[in-house]
Amino acid sequence: MPPAAARIKVRVQARDGKILGPAATVRQPLLTVRNVVTGEVLINDAPINQSSSGTVVPASQFSNNVSRNAIVVQPPTINSPSYPSPGPYWLETPSDQGELIVSLAITEPALLEFRATAYSPDPVFASATMWVMPYMQLLDDPGLVLTIAGLYATVKASEVNRNVSISANITMMCGCPITVQPSQTLPQDTEPFWPSNEFDVTAQLRASGGQQVIAFPLTSTSTSTFTGTSKVPPGTYDVWVVAVQAQESNVGFARTTLKVM
């Protein structure tokens, strides 16, 4: 007897990062499955298991269960035993974790959209569309991997005597840390695959509806933290933080407001 439904394993992975797993900043991703032709929603916002985010392994350790979305380490600014060699690394997917196996009760070939919702902390999305046949069993690792682009970003702003201080927390979408470069050593148990020299983080203080802009760079001062200060005139400012990992086309954005007396 054939199985009662088509079943497909789905995972959500950050671009240049790991599976959206148990990191403290990462909300549980959701999956929706929709029939593109009929518009019928077969699964709506089903939670995806996030108990593990997988393991980064060297390129030489390719295996059948690694994600085909490689993690690429850019050359660091200094030579240090704390940092891995530049180049590609694979993400080894965890067995029976960090996934969702969907059961689809279809009776004829269906063109389906698989859409994941993640949070940066605002909702962001990734999707793939493919044909699914009745009774199809696509359960091999790594599964259907949906890649979430972007960076997770939050910001705090404060002011003393018109000196504005900006502190931004920037991580990969999986919650993986961005580490300070140059640095000879890293905090214990910190993954080293995302050195800060890959990222350009800036602050923009925008007054008068954006007609007046004060922009300055933020510097990596500790793991996943970028800070900077600037003297500004009195006013009410819309504070933007923009983080860019240009080699991966990853962008993070956060905003707040600040009144300077």
Foldseek 3Di string as FASTA:
>chain_A
DFDQFEKFKEAEQAQLGWTQADAPVWDFKFKWKAFPVPRDTQDDRHTFFRHDGFDKAAPVPDDQAWDPRWRFFDDFPDDAPQADDGGTIIGRDDPPGRIDMDTGRDDAKTWMKMKMWIPLPHTDIWIDIDIDGTSHYHDGHPTHYTYTFAKNKEKDWDDDPQKIKIKMFIDTSSNQKAAEPPDRHAPPPHDRRHYCVLKWKKKWWAFPNRPDIDIDTWHDDGIRMTMDIDRDDFDKTWMKMWMARPVRRHIRIYIDIDGDD
